[in-house]
Amino acid sequence: MKAETIAQLREGDERAFQAIYECYHRLIYHFAYSFLKNVELSKEVTQETFLSLWVNRGKLDASLPLYPYLYAKARRLTIDAFRRAASIHRLHAEWTTLLPEAHNETEQRVFHRELAAITEEALQQMPKQQQLVFRMSRSEGLSYEEIAEELHISKNTVKYHLVQSLKFLKGFFAKHGILYFFILTLFI
């Protein structure tokens, strides 16, 4: 990647970011997929890598090559995703061994209702734009592109809001003694 393009990215040029994304996103995705063997997790790692690039663009040195930075970030995110997936799998396995043979549907409905209420309480505490983007993504199932188009914001802004809302939910659930990864397994 040319130093000029990196300098333009540092200044917030979205076209420079798009050029960098087009050049490297397949390499980052394939790197993540080679370890994770999961399309969605690999896409998430790729998106988070480029989101980090955008957020930290001011710290880039235009004289240094960009791929090592992207590779290091993707490597760390891949390791984190692999660990999270392993933890979720382990928790899910432990949870299913603890479940009694007969499921009590009433208890499950009450649990889901309480969980929905806590989630709604968390969503109400988020900034309105984050809340809206989260609901459009998770409840309506819209893609980043669809949300960006409907709200007239950039795809990177959509990504930023989703990352921030997930961080907020994780902290909110932790305050309420709810295992965040357990919640994710219920809704996946």
N, C-alpha and C. Protein backbone atom coordinates (compact mmCIF):
# COMPACT_ATOMS: atom_id res chain seq x y z
N MET A 1 0.85 -1.16 0.00
CA MET A 1 0.00 0.00 0.00
C MET A 1 0.90 1.23 0.00
N LYS A 2 0.55 2.20 -0.80
CA LYS A 2 1.35 3.41 -0.93
C LYS A 2 1.27 4.26 0.34
N ALA A 3 2.37 4.93 0.63
CA ALA A 3 2.42 5.81 1.79
C ALA A 3 1.40 6.93 1.65
N GLU A 4 1.14 7.35 0.43
CA GLU A 4 0.15 8.41 0.18
C GLU A 4 -1.24 7.98 0.62
N THR A 5 -1.59 6.72 0.33
CA THR A 5 -2.90 6.20 0.72
C THR A 5 -3.02 6.13 2.23
N ILE A 6 -1.95 5.70 2.89
CA ILE A 6 -1.96 5.62 4.35
C ILE A 6 -2.08 7.02 4.95
N ALA A 7 -1.39 7.99 4.35
CA ALA A 7 -1.48 9.38 4.82
C ALA A 7 -2.91 9.90 4.66
N GLN A 8 -3.55 9.57 3.55
CA GLN A 8 -4.94 9.98 3.33
C GLN A 8 -5.86 9.33 4.36
N LEU A 9 -5.61 8.06 4.66
CA LEU A 9 -6.40 7.37 5.68
C LEU A 9 -6.25 8.07 7.02
N ARG A 10 -5.03 8.44 7.36
CA ARG A 10 -4.78 9.15 8.63
C ARG A 10 -5.64 10.41 8.73
N GLU A 11 -5.92 11.02 7.59
CA GLU A 11 -6.71 12.26 7.56
C GLU A 11 -8.21 11.98 7.52
N GLY A 12 -8.60 10.69 7.53
CA GLY A 12 -10.02 10.35 7.56
C GLY A 12 -10.65 10.17 6.19
N ASP A 13 -9.86 9.99 5.17
CA ASP A 13 -10.38 9.81 3.81
C ASP A 13 -11.01 8.42 3.67
N GLU A 14 -12.32 8.39 3.49
CA GLU A 14 -13.03 7.11 3.39
C GLU A 14 -12.67 6.36 2.11
N ARG A 15 -12.33 7.08 1.05
CA ARG A 15 -11.91 6.40 -0.19
C ARG A 15 -10.59 5.66 0.02
N ALA A 16 -9.70 6.24 0.77
CA ALA A 16 -8.43 5.57 1.08
C ALA A 16 -8.71 4.32 1.91
N PHE A 17 -9.61 4.46 2.89
CA PHE A 17 -9.98 3.30 3.70
C PHE A 17 -10.58 2.20 2.82
N GLN A 18 -11.46 2.58 1.91
CA GLN A 18 -12.09 1.60 1.02
C GLN A 18 -11.04 0.91 0.15
N ALA A 19 -10.06 1.66 -0.34
CA ALA A 19 -8.99 1.07 -1.16
C ALA A 19 -8.18 0.06 -0.35
N ILE A 20 -7.88 0.41 0.90
CA ILE A 20 -7.13 -0.50 1.78
C ILE A 20 -7.97 -1.73 2.08
N TYR A 21 -9.24 -1.51 2.37
CA TYR A 21 -10.14 -2.63 2.64
C TYR A 21 -10.19 -3.58 1.44
N GLU A 22 -10.36 -3.04 0.26
CA GLU A 22 -10.43 -3.87 -0.95
C GLU A 22 -9.13 -4.65 -1.16
N CYS A 23 -8.03 -4.05 -0.82
CA CYS A 23 -6.73 -4.69 -1.01
C CYS A 23 -6.49 -5.84 -0.02
N TYR A 24 -6.92 -5.66 1.23
CA TYR A 24 -6.53 -6.59 2.28
C TYR A 24 -7.64 -7.44 2.90
N HIS A 25 -8.89 -7.13 2.67
CA HIS A 25 -9.93 -7.83 3.44
C HIS A 25 -9.97 -9.33 3.18
N ARG A 26 -9.70 -9.75 1.96
CA ARG A 26 -9.71 -11.20 1.68
C ARG A 26 -8.58 -11.92 2.41
N LEU A 27 -7.41 -11.29 2.44
CA LEU A 27 -6.27 -11.89 3.15
C LEU A 27 -6.57 -12.04 4.64
N ILE A 28 -7.15 -11.02 5.23
CA ILE A 28 -7.48 -11.06 6.66
C ILE A 28 -8.56 -12.12 6.92
N TYR A 29 -9.59 -12.13 6.07
CA TYR A 29 -10.66 -13.11 6.24
C TYR A 29 -10.11 -14.54 6.14
N HIS A 30 -9.30 -14.82 5.13
CA HIS A 30 -8.76 -16.17 4.95
C HIS A 30 -7.82 -16.56 6.09
N PHE A 31 -7.07 -15.59 6.60
CA PHE A 31 -6.23 -15.87 7.75
C PHE A 31 -7.10 -16.30 8.94
N ALA A 32 -8.13 -15.53 9.24
CA ALA A 32 -9.01 -15.85 10.37
C ALA A 32 -9.71 -17.20 10.14
N TYR A 33 -10.19 -17.41 8.93
CA TYR A 33 -10.92 -18.64 8.64
C TYR A 33 -10.01 -19.87 8.74
N SER A 34 -8.73 -19.71 8.41
CA SER A 34 -7.82 -20.86 8.47
C SER A 34 -7.70 -21.41 9.89
N PHE A 35 -7.95 -20.56 10.89
CA PHE A 35 -7.90 -21.01 12.28
C PHE A 35 -9.28 -21.29 12.85
N LEU A 36 -10.23 -20.44 12.55
CA LEU A 36 -11.54 -20.54 13.19
C LEU A 36 -12.48 -21.54 12.51
N LYS A 37 -12.31 -21.73 11.21
CA LYS A 37 -13.18 -22.64 10.44
C LYS A 37 -14.66 -22.29 10.64
N ASN A 38 -14.93 -20.99 10.75
CA ASN A 38 -16.29 -20.52 10.95
C ASN A 38 -16.45 -19.22 10.16
N VAL A 39 -17.39 -19.22 9.23
CA VAL A 39 -17.57 -18.08 8.34
C VAL A 39 -17.93 -16.81 9.13
N GLU A 40 -18.92 -16.90 10.01
CA GLU A 40 -19.38 -15.72 10.75
C GLU A 40 -18.29 -15.16 11.66
N LEU A 41 -17.61 -16.03 12.39
CA LEU A 41 -16.54 -15.54 13.26
C LEU A 41 -15.41 -14.91 12.45
N SER A 42 -15.12 -15.50 11.30
CA SER A 42 -14.06 -14.95 10.44
C SER A 42 -14.46 -13.60 9.88
N LYS A 43 -15.73 -13.44 9.52
CA LYS A 43 -16.22 -12.13 9.07
C LYS A 43 -16.13 -11.11 10.19
N GLU A 44 -16.47 -11.55 11.40
CA GLU A 44 -16.42 -10.65 12.56
C GLU A 44 -14.99 -10.20 12.82
N VAL A 45 -14.05 -11.12 12.76
CA VAL A 45 -12.64 -10.76 12.97
C VAL A 45 -12.20 -9.76 11.90
N THR A 46 -12.59 -10.02 10.65
CA THR A 46 -12.23 -9.12 9.55
C THR A 46 -12.82 -7.73 9.80
N GLN A 47 -14.09 -7.67 10.16
CA GLN A 47 -14.73 -6.38 10.41
C GLN A 47 -14.08 -5.65 11.58
N GLU A 48 -13.80 -6.36 12.66
CA GLU A 48 -13.18 -5.73 13.82
C GLU A 48 -11.76 -5.24 13.51
N THR A 49 -11.05 -5.99 12.66
CA THR A 49 -9.71 -5.58 12.27
C THR A 49 -9.75 -4.25 11.54
N PHE A 50 -10.68 -4.13 10.59
CA PHE A 50 -10.76 -2.89 9.83
C PHE A 50 -11.41 -1.76 10.63
N LEU A 51 -12.27 -2.10 11.55
CA LEU A 51 -12.82 -1.08 12.44
C LEU A 51 -11.69 -0.51 13.31
N SER A 52 -10.84 -1.37 13.81
CA SER A 52 -9.70 -0.93 14.60
C SER A 52 -8.77 -0.04 13.75
N LEU A 53 -8.57 -0.43 12.50
CA LEU A 53 -7.74 0.38 11.61
C LEU A 53 -8.33 1.79 11.49
N TRP A 54 -9.65 1.86 11.29
CA TRP A 54 -10.30 3.17 11.13
C TRP A 54 -10.21 3.98 12.43
N VAL A 55 -10.50 3.34 13.54
CA VAL A 55 -10.50 4.04 14.82
C VAL A 55 -9.09 4.54 15.18
N ASN A 56 -8.08 3.75 14.85
CA ASN A 56 -6.70 4.08 15.21
C ASN A 56 -5.90 4.66 14.05
N ARG A 57 -6.57 5.13 13.02
CA ARG A 57 -5.89 5.61 11.81
C ARG A 57 -4.91 6.75 12.09
N GLY A 58 -5.21 7.56 13.08
CA GLY A 58 -4.34 8.69 13.41
C GLY A 58 -2.99 8.27 13.96
N LYS A 59 -2.89 7.04 14.42
CA LYS A 59 -1.64 6.55 15.00
C LYS A 59 -0.73 5.88 13.98
N LEU A 60 -1.23 5.73 12.74
CA LEU A 60 -0.45 5.03 11.72
C LEU A 60 0.74 5.86 11.26
N ASP A 61 1.81 5.16 10.93
CA ASP A 61 2.99 5.79 10.37
C ASP A 61 2.98 5.48 8.87
N ALA A 62 2.83 6.51 8.05
CA ALA A 62 2.71 6.31 6.60
C ALA A 62 3.96 5.69 5.99
N SER A 63 5.09 5.76 6.69
CA SER A 63 6.33 5.20 6.14
C SER A 63 6.45 3.70 6.39
N LEU A 64 5.58 3.15 7.24
CA LEU A 64 5.64 1.73 7.55
C LEU A 64 4.60 0.96 6.74
N PRO A 65 4.90 -0.30 6.40
CA PRO A 65 3.91 -1.10 5.66
C PRO A 65 2.68 -1.37 6.52
N LEU A 66 1.53 -1.45 5.88
CA LEU A 66 0.26 -1.58 6.60
C LEU A 66 -0.08 -3.02 6.94
N TYR A 67 0.31 -3.97 6.10
CA TYR A 67 -0.10 -5.35 6.33
C TYR A 67 0.35 -5.90 7.68
N PRO A 68 1.57 -5.66 8.14
CA PRO A 68 1.95 -6.19 9.47
C PRO A 68 1.02 -5.69 10.58
N TYR A 69 0.59 -4.43 10.50
CA TYR A 69 -0.34 -3.90 11.49
C TYR A 69 -1.65 -4.68 11.42
N LEU A 70 -2.19 -4.83 10.21
CA LEU A 70 -3.46 -5.55 10.04
C LEU A 70 -3.32 -7.01 10.47
N TYR A 71 -2.22 -7.63 10.10
CA TYR A 71 -1.99 -9.03 10.46
C TYR A 71 -1.95 -9.21 11.97
N ALA A 72 -1.21 -8.33 12.65
CA ALA A 72 -1.08 -8.44 14.12
C ALA A 72 -2.44 -8.26 14.78
N LYS A 73 -3.21 -7.29 14.31
CA LYS A 73 -4.55 -7.05 14.88
C LYS A 73 -5.45 -8.26 14.61
N ALA A 74 -5.44 -8.77 13.38
CA ALA A 74 -6.27 -9.92 13.03
C ALA A 74 -5.85 -11.16 13.81
N ARG A 75 -4.57 -11.31 14.02
CA ARG A 75 -4.06 -12.46 14.78
C ARG A 75 -4.60 -12.43 16.21
N ARG A 76 -4.51 -11.25 16.86
CA ARG A 76 -4.99 -11.11 18.23
C ARG A 76 -6.50 -11.35 18.30
N LEU A 77 -7.24 -10.78 17.36
CA LEU A 77 -8.69 -10.96 17.34
C LEU A 77 -9.08 -12.41 17.06
N THR A 78 -8.32 -13.09 16.21
CA THR A 78 -8.58 -14.49 15.91
C THR A 78 -8.36 -15.35 17.15
N ILE A 79 -7.29 -15.08 17.85
CA ILE A 79 -7.01 -15.83 19.09
C ILE A 79 -8.12 -15.59 20.10
N ASP A 80 -8.54 -14.33 20.24
CA ASP A 80 -9.63 -14.01 21.16
C ASP A 80 -10.92 -14.73 20.76
N ALA A 81 -11.23 -14.71 19.48
CA ALA A 81 -12.46 -15.36 18.99
C ALA A 81 -12.38 -16.87 19.21
N PHE A 82 -11.21 -17.44 18.99
CA PHE A 82 -11.03 -18.88 19.19
C PHE A 82 -11.24 -19.23 20.67
N ARG A 83 -10.68 -18.42 21.55
CA ARG A 83 -10.85 -18.66 22.99
C ARG A 83 -12.31 -18.50 23.40
N ARG A 84 -12.98 -17.46 22.89
CA ARG A 84 -14.40 -17.25 23.21
C ARG A 84 -15.23 -18.44 22.72
N ALA A 85 -14.97 -18.88 21.50
CA ALA A 85 -15.72 -20.01 20.96
C ALA A 85 -15.49 -21.27 21.79
N ALA A 86 -14.26 -21.48 22.22
CA ALA A 86 -13.96 -22.64 23.06
C ALA A 86 -14.67 -22.52 24.40
N SER A 87 -14.69 -21.32 24.98
CA SER A 87 -15.38 -21.10 26.26
C SER A 87 -16.88 -21.32 26.12
N ILE A 88 -17.44 -20.80 25.04
CA ILE A 88 -18.88 -20.97 24.81
C ILE A 88 -19.21 -22.44 24.66
N HIS A 89 -18.39 -23.14 23.89
CA HIS A 89 -18.61 -24.57 23.68
C HIS A 89 -18.53 -25.32 25.02
N ARG A 90 -17.52 -24.98 25.83
CA ARG A 90 -17.36 -25.63 27.12
C ARG A 90 -18.55 -25.31 28.04
N LEU A 91 -18.94 -24.04 28.11
CA LEU A 91 -20.08 -23.65 28.94
C LEU A 91 -21.36 -24.34 28.48
N HIS A 92 -21.54 -24.39 27.18
CA HIS A 92 -22.74 -25.05 26.64
C HIS A 92 -22.74 -26.54 27.00
N ALA A 93 -21.59 -27.18 26.90
CA ALA A 93 -21.49 -28.60 27.25
C ALA A 93 -21.78 -28.80 28.74
N GLU A 94 -21.21 -27.93 29.58
CA GLU A 94 -21.47 -28.04 31.02
C GLU A 94 -22.94 -27.78 31.34
N TRP A 95 -23.51 -26.80 30.70
CA TRP A 95 -24.92 -26.45 30.94
C TRP A 95 -25.85 -27.59 30.56
N THR A 96 -25.60 -28.21 29.41
CA THR A 96 -26.49 -29.29 28.96
C THR A 96 -26.37 -30.52 29.86
N THR A 97 -25.21 -30.73 30.48
CA THR A 97 -25.10 -31.88 31.39
C THR A 97 -25.83 -31.60 32.70
N LEU A 98 -25.98 -30.32 33.03
CA LEU A 98 -26.67 -29.97 34.27
C LEU A 98 -28.19 -29.90 34.12
N LEU A 99 -28.65 -29.80 32.88
CA LEU A 99 -30.10 -29.72 32.66
C LEU A 99 -30.78 -31.04 33.00
N PRO A 100 -31.89 -30.98 33.68
CA PRO A 100 -32.63 -32.22 33.95
C PRO A 100 -33.23 -32.76 32.64
N GLU A 101 -33.55 -34.02 32.65
CA GLU A 101 -34.12 -34.65 31.46
C GLU A 101 -35.41 -33.97 31.01
N ALA A 102 -36.28 -33.69 31.94
CA ALA A 102 -37.55 -33.05 31.60
C ALA A 102 -37.39 -31.54 31.72
N HIS A 103 -37.76 -30.83 30.68
CA HIS A 103 -37.69 -29.37 30.69
C HIS A 103 -39.01 -28.81 31.20
N ASN A 104 -38.90 -27.83 32.04
CA ASN A 104 -40.08 -27.17 32.55
C ASN A 104 -40.33 -25.94 31.69
N GLU A 105 -41.32 -26.02 30.82
CA GLU A 105 -41.59 -24.94 29.87
C GLU A 105 -41.96 -23.64 30.58
N THR A 106 -42.66 -23.73 31.68
CA THR A 106 -43.04 -22.52 32.41
C THR A 106 -41.81 -21.80 32.93
N GLU A 107 -40.87 -22.53 33.51
CA GLU A 107 -39.64 -21.92 34.00
C GLU A 107 -38.87 -21.28 32.84
N GLN A 108 -38.83 -21.97 31.72
CA GLN A 108 -38.11 -21.42 30.57
C GLN A 108 -38.76 -20.13 30.08
N ARG A 109 -40.08 -20.09 30.03
CA ARG A 109 -40.77 -18.87 29.60
C ARG A 109 -40.50 -17.72 30.56
N VAL A 110 -40.54 -18.01 31.86
CA VAL A 110 -40.27 -16.98 32.87
C VAL A 110 -38.83 -16.49 32.72
N PHE A 111 -37.89 -17.42 32.55
CA PHE A 111 -36.49 -17.06 32.38
C PHE A 111 -36.31 -16.17 31.16
N HIS A 112 -36.89 -16.56 30.04
CA HIS A 112 -36.76 -15.77 28.81
C HIS A 112 -37.42 -14.40 28.96
N ARG A 113 -38.54 -14.33 29.66
CA ARG A 113 -39.22 -13.06 29.87
C ARG A 113 -38.35 -12.14 30.73
N GLU A 114 -37.75 -12.68 31.80
CA GLU A 114 -36.88 -11.89 32.66
C GLU A 114 -35.63 -11.43 31.90
N LEU A 115 -35.08 -12.33 31.11
CA LEU A 115 -33.91 -12.00 30.31
C LEU A 115 -34.24 -10.91 29.30
N ALA A 116 -35.41 -11.00 28.67
CA ALA A 116 -35.83 -9.98 27.72
C ALA A 116 -36.00 -8.63 28.42
N ALA A 117 -36.53 -8.65 29.64
CA ALA A 117 -36.72 -7.41 30.39
C ALA A 117 -35.38 -6.78 30.75
N ILE A 118 -34.42 -7.59 31.17
CA ILE A 118 -33.09 -7.07 31.51
C ILE A 118 -32.41 -6.52 30.25
N THR A 119 -32.54 -7.24 29.15
CA THR A 119 -31.95 -6.79 27.89
C THR A 119 -32.57 -5.46 27.46
N GLU A 120 -33.88 -5.35 27.58
CA GLU A 120 -34.57 -4.11 27.21
C GLU A 120 -34.12 -2.96 28.10
N GLU A 121 -33.94 -3.24 29.39
CA GLU A 121 -33.45 -2.22 30.32
C GLU A 121 -32.06 -1.73 29.88
N ALA A 122 -31.21 -2.67 29.49
CA ALA A 122 -29.87 -2.31 29.02
C ALA A 122 -29.95 -1.47 27.76
N LEU A 123 -30.81 -1.88 26.83
CA LEU A 123 -30.94 -1.14 25.57
C LEU A 123 -31.42 0.29 25.81
N GLN A 124 -32.30 0.46 26.77
CA GLN A 124 -32.84 1.79 27.07
C GLN A 124 -31.76 2.73 27.61
N GLN A 125 -30.69 2.17 28.16
CA GLN A 125 -29.61 2.99 28.72
C GLN A 125 -28.55 3.37 27.68
N MET A 126 -28.64 2.76 26.51
CA MET A 126 -27.68 3.06 25.44
C MET A 126 -28.05 4.38 24.77
N PRO A 127 -27.06 5.03 24.16
CA PRO A 127 -27.39 6.19 23.33
C PRO A 127 -28.37 5.77 22.22
N LYS A 128 -29.24 6.68 21.83
CA LYS A 128 -30.32 6.37 20.89
C LYS A 128 -29.81 5.76 19.58
N GLN A 129 -28.74 6.31 19.03
CA GLN A 129 -28.22 5.81 17.75
C GLN A 129 -27.70 4.38 17.90
N GLN A 130 -26.97 4.10 18.99
CA GLN A 130 -26.48 2.74 19.23
C GLN A 130 -27.65 1.79 19.39
N GLN A 131 -28.63 2.22 20.16
CA GLN A 131 -29.82 1.40 20.40
C GLN A 131 -30.51 1.07 19.07
N LEU A 132 -30.68 2.08 18.23
CA LEU A 132 -31.36 1.88 16.95
C LEU A 132 -30.57 0.93 16.05
N VAL A 133 -29.26 1.14 15.96
CA VAL A 133 -28.42 0.28 15.12
C VAL A 133 -28.45 -1.16 15.64
N PHE A 134 -28.36 -1.33 16.96
CA PHE A 134 -28.39 -2.67 17.55
C PHE A 134 -29.71 -3.37 17.22
N ARG A 135 -30.82 -2.67 17.42
CA ARG A 135 -32.13 -3.28 17.15
C ARG A 135 -32.28 -3.64 15.66
N MET A 136 -31.82 -2.76 14.80
CA MET A 136 -31.94 -3.04 13.35
C MET A 136 -31.11 -4.25 12.96
N SER A 137 -29.94 -4.39 13.60
CA SER A 137 -29.07 -5.52 13.29
C SER A 137 -29.59 -6.81 13.89
N ARG A 138 -29.89 -6.78 15.19
CA ARG A 138 -30.24 -8.02 15.89
C ARG A 138 -31.71 -8.40 15.76
N SER A 139 -32.61 -7.44 15.91
CA SER A 139 -34.03 -7.76 15.88
C SER A 139 -34.57 -7.87 14.47
N GLU A 140 -34.13 -6.94 13.60
CA GLU A 140 -34.64 -6.94 12.24
C GLU A 140 -33.76 -7.73 11.28
N GLY A 141 -32.57 -8.09 11.72
CA GLY A 141 -31.67 -8.90 10.90
C GLY A 141 -31.10 -8.17 9.69
N LEU A 142 -31.01 -6.84 9.77
CA LEU A 142 -30.48 -6.07 8.64
C LEU A 142 -28.96 -6.14 8.61
N SER A 143 -28.40 -6.08 7.42
CA SER A 143 -26.94 -6.09 7.27
C SER A 143 -26.40 -4.69 7.55
N TYR A 144 -25.07 -4.59 7.69
CA TYR A 144 -24.44 -3.29 7.92
C TYR A 144 -24.80 -2.33 6.79
N GLU A 145 -24.75 -2.84 5.56
CA GLU A 145 -25.05 -1.99 4.41
C GLU A 145 -26.48 -1.48 4.45
N GLU A 146 -27.42 -2.35 4.79
CA GLU A 146 -28.83 -1.95 4.84
C GLU A 146 -29.07 -0.91 5.93
N ILE A 147 -28.44 -1.10 7.08
CA ILE A 147 -28.59 -0.14 8.17
C ILE A 147 -27.98 1.20 7.77
N ALA A 148 -26.78 1.15 7.20
CA ALA A 148 -26.11 2.38 6.78
C ALA A 148 -26.96 3.15 5.78
N GLU A 149 -27.53 2.45 4.83
CA GLU A 149 -28.37 3.09 3.82
C GLU A 149 -29.62 3.70 4.43
N GLU A 150 -30.27 2.96 5.30
CA GLU A 150 -31.52 3.43 5.90
C GLU A 150 -31.29 4.63 6.82
N LEU A 151 -30.18 4.64 7.57
CA LEU A 151 -29.92 5.72 8.52
C LEU A 151 -29.06 6.84 7.93
N HIS A 152 -28.61 6.65 6.69
CA HIS A 152 -27.77 7.65 6.01
C HIS A 152 -26.48 7.90 6.78
N ILE A 153 -25.84 6.81 7.20
CA ILE A 153 -24.55 6.88 7.86
C ILE A 153 -23.62 5.90 7.16
N SER A 154 -22.33 5.98 7.45
CA SER A 154 -21.39 5.08 6.79
C SER A 154 -21.45 3.68 7.43
N LYS A 155 -20.99 2.70 6.67
CA LYS A 155 -20.95 1.33 7.17
C LYS A 155 -20.01 1.24 8.38
N ASN A 156 -18.96 2.03 8.37
CA ASN A 156 -18.02 2.04 9.51
C ASN A 156 -18.69 2.57 10.77
N THR A 157 -19.57 3.53 10.62
CA THR A 157 -20.30 4.05 11.77
C THR A 157 -21.23 2.99 12.33
N VAL A 158 -21.84 2.22 11.43
CA VAL A 158 -22.70 1.11 11.87
C VAL A 158 -21.87 0.12 12.67
N LYS A 159 -20.72 -0.25 12.15
CA LYS A 159 -19.83 -1.19 12.85
C LYS A 159 -19.45 -0.65 14.22
N TYR A 160 -19.10 0.62 14.26
CA TYR A 160 -18.69 1.24 15.53
C TYR A 160 -19.83 1.15 16.55
N HIS A 161 -21.04 1.50 16.14
CA HIS A 161 -22.18 1.46 17.06
C HIS A 161 -22.44 0.04 17.56
N LEU A 162 -22.32 -0.94 16.69
CA LEU A 162 -22.55 -2.33 17.11
C LEU A 162 -21.49 -2.80 18.09
N VAL A 163 -20.25 -2.48 17.83
CA VAL A 163 -19.17 -2.88 18.75
C VAL A 163 -19.40 -2.23 20.11
N GLN A 164 -19.73 -0.94 20.11
CA GLN A 164 -19.96 -0.24 21.38
C GLN A 164 -21.17 -0.80 22.12
N SER A 165 -22.24 -1.13 21.39
CA SER A 165 -23.43 -1.66 22.06
C SER A 165 -23.16 -3.04 22.65
N LEU A 166 -22.38 -3.88 21.95
CA LEU A 166 -22.05 -5.20 22.49
C LEU A 166 -21.17 -5.08 23.74
N LYS A 167 -20.25 -4.13 23.73
CA LYS A 167 -19.42 -3.91 24.92
C LYS A 167 -20.30 -3.46 26.09
N PHE A 168 -21.24 -2.56 25.81
CA PHE A 168 -22.13 -2.07 26.86
C PHE A 168 -22.97 -3.22 27.42
N LEU A 169 -23.54 -4.05 26.54
CA LEU A 169 -24.36 -5.17 27.00
C LEU A 169 -23.55 -6.14 27.84
N LYS A 170 -22.34 -6.41 27.43
CA LYS A 170 -21.48 -7.32 28.18
C LYS A 170 -21.28 -6.80 29.60
N GLY A 171 -20.97 -5.51 29.72
CA GLY A 171 -20.79 -4.92 31.04
C GLY A 171 -22.08 -4.90 31.85
N PHE A 172 -23.19 -4.60 31.19
CA PHE A 172 -24.49 -4.55 31.87
C PHE A 172 -24.87 -5.92 32.41
N PHE A 173 -24.71 -6.96 31.57
CA PHE A 173 -25.03 -8.32 32.01
C PHE A 173 -24.13 -8.75 33.16
N ALA A 174 -22.85 -8.36 33.08
CA ALA A 174 -21.91 -8.72 34.16
C ALA A 174 -22.36 -8.09 35.49
N LYS A 175 -22.84 -6.84 35.44
CA LYS A 175 -23.32 -6.18 36.66
C LYS A 175 -24.52 -6.91 37.26
N HIS A 176 -25.29 -7.55 36.40
CA HIS A 176 -26.47 -8.28 36.86
C HIS A 176 -26.19 -9.76 37.10
N GLY A 177 -24.92 -10.15 37.04
CA GLY A 177 -24.55 -11.53 37.33
C GLY A 177 -24.98 -12.52 36.25
N ILE A 178 -25.12 -12.02 35.04
CA ILE A 178 -25.55 -12.90 33.93
C ILE A 178 -24.33 -13.17 33.07
N LEU A 179 -24.10 -14.43 32.77
CA LEU A 179 -22.98 -14.79 31.90
C LEU A 179 -23.28 -14.33 30.49
N TYR A 180 -22.48 -13.38 29.99
CA TYR A 180 -22.66 -12.82 28.65
C TYR A 180 -22.58 -13.90 27.58
N PHE A 181 -21.60 -14.78 27.68
CA PHE A 181 -21.45 -15.81 26.66
C PHE A 181 -22.61 -16.80 26.68
N PHE A 182 -23.18 -17.03 27.85
CA PHE A 182 -24.35 -17.89 27.94
C PHE A 182 -25.51 -17.24 27.19
N ILE A 183 -25.67 -15.94 27.36
CA ILE A 183 -26.74 -15.21 26.67
C ILE A 183 -26.55 -15.32 25.17
N LEU A 184 -25.33 -15.16 24.71
CA LEU A 184 -25.07 -15.27 23.28
C LEU A 184 -25.44 -16.63 22.75
N THR A 185 -25.19 -17.69 23.51
CA THR A 185 -25.52 -19.03 23.03
C THR A 185 -27.02 -19.22 22.93
N LEU A 186 -27.77 -18.54 23.78
CA LEU A 186 -29.23 -18.65 23.71
C LEU A 186 -29.78 -18.00 22.45
N PHE A 187 -29.17 -16.90 22.02
CA PHE A 187 -29.71 -16.13 20.91
C PHE A 187 -29.04 -16.45 19.58
N ILE A 188 -28.06 -17.34 19.57
CA ILE A 188 -27.39 -17.69 18.31
C ILE A 188 -28.13 -18.83 17.64
